[in-house]
Amino acid sequence: MIRILVLSIVLGCILTSRSQAEKFTLMLRTKTGNINNAGTDDPVFFALYYQELVEIPNRNPKRKPRKVLKQRRLEVKLDNEGNDRKVGAIEDYKLEFECPIDKINRVEIGLKSGDDAWFLDGMQYIIVRAGTQSLPTKIPFSGWVSAAANDGPKAARAKQFYWFNVKPPRFPPKLSVKK
């Protein structure tokens, strides 16, 4: 009986906590590996996942609608002017999103098309909202990313995309100085 009560309290907190979508900038830094043929000109994408509380109407009009957490996905193309993702290059991307920041739970990076593999040797991002920067979220990853199945010896080790579970970004505490 106590377990059911605790579970209903926890679920009640999850369902009633509503986060508002807000516009923010995600500053992404990627590093291309410093090995032979690590670079690519193929289109690379970055996706952000978050959870959103959605009301599902009930068939019976006398009953309240159900509330369910749904996973949402926002995707952008990574493309700077000029030739991106050369061997050993560190690239910075400024990406604009609108979603509840505290509900971000996964990021994804990959190639949609093309026949060239890319060796991603790590990435990190910070979120900027209302002039405040989050602490960096580092993703220590090193591996081949390829949309093609015919990429020679790299194809056995390459995947089209990788996703990483992340915690919502942390912002430093606001400090106030008393005069």
Foldseek 3Di string as FASTA:
>chain_A
DVVVVVVVVVVVVVQPDAFFKDKWKKKKKWWFAQDPQQFDQAKKKKKWKFWHWDWADDPDPVDGTDIDIDIDMDMDIDDDPDRPGDRGDMDIDIDMDIGRLQGTWKMKMFGQDDAGKHWIQWMKIWMADPNFIFDIDTDGDTAIGGPDCPNPPRNVGYYGMDMDTDGRTHTDDDDDDDD
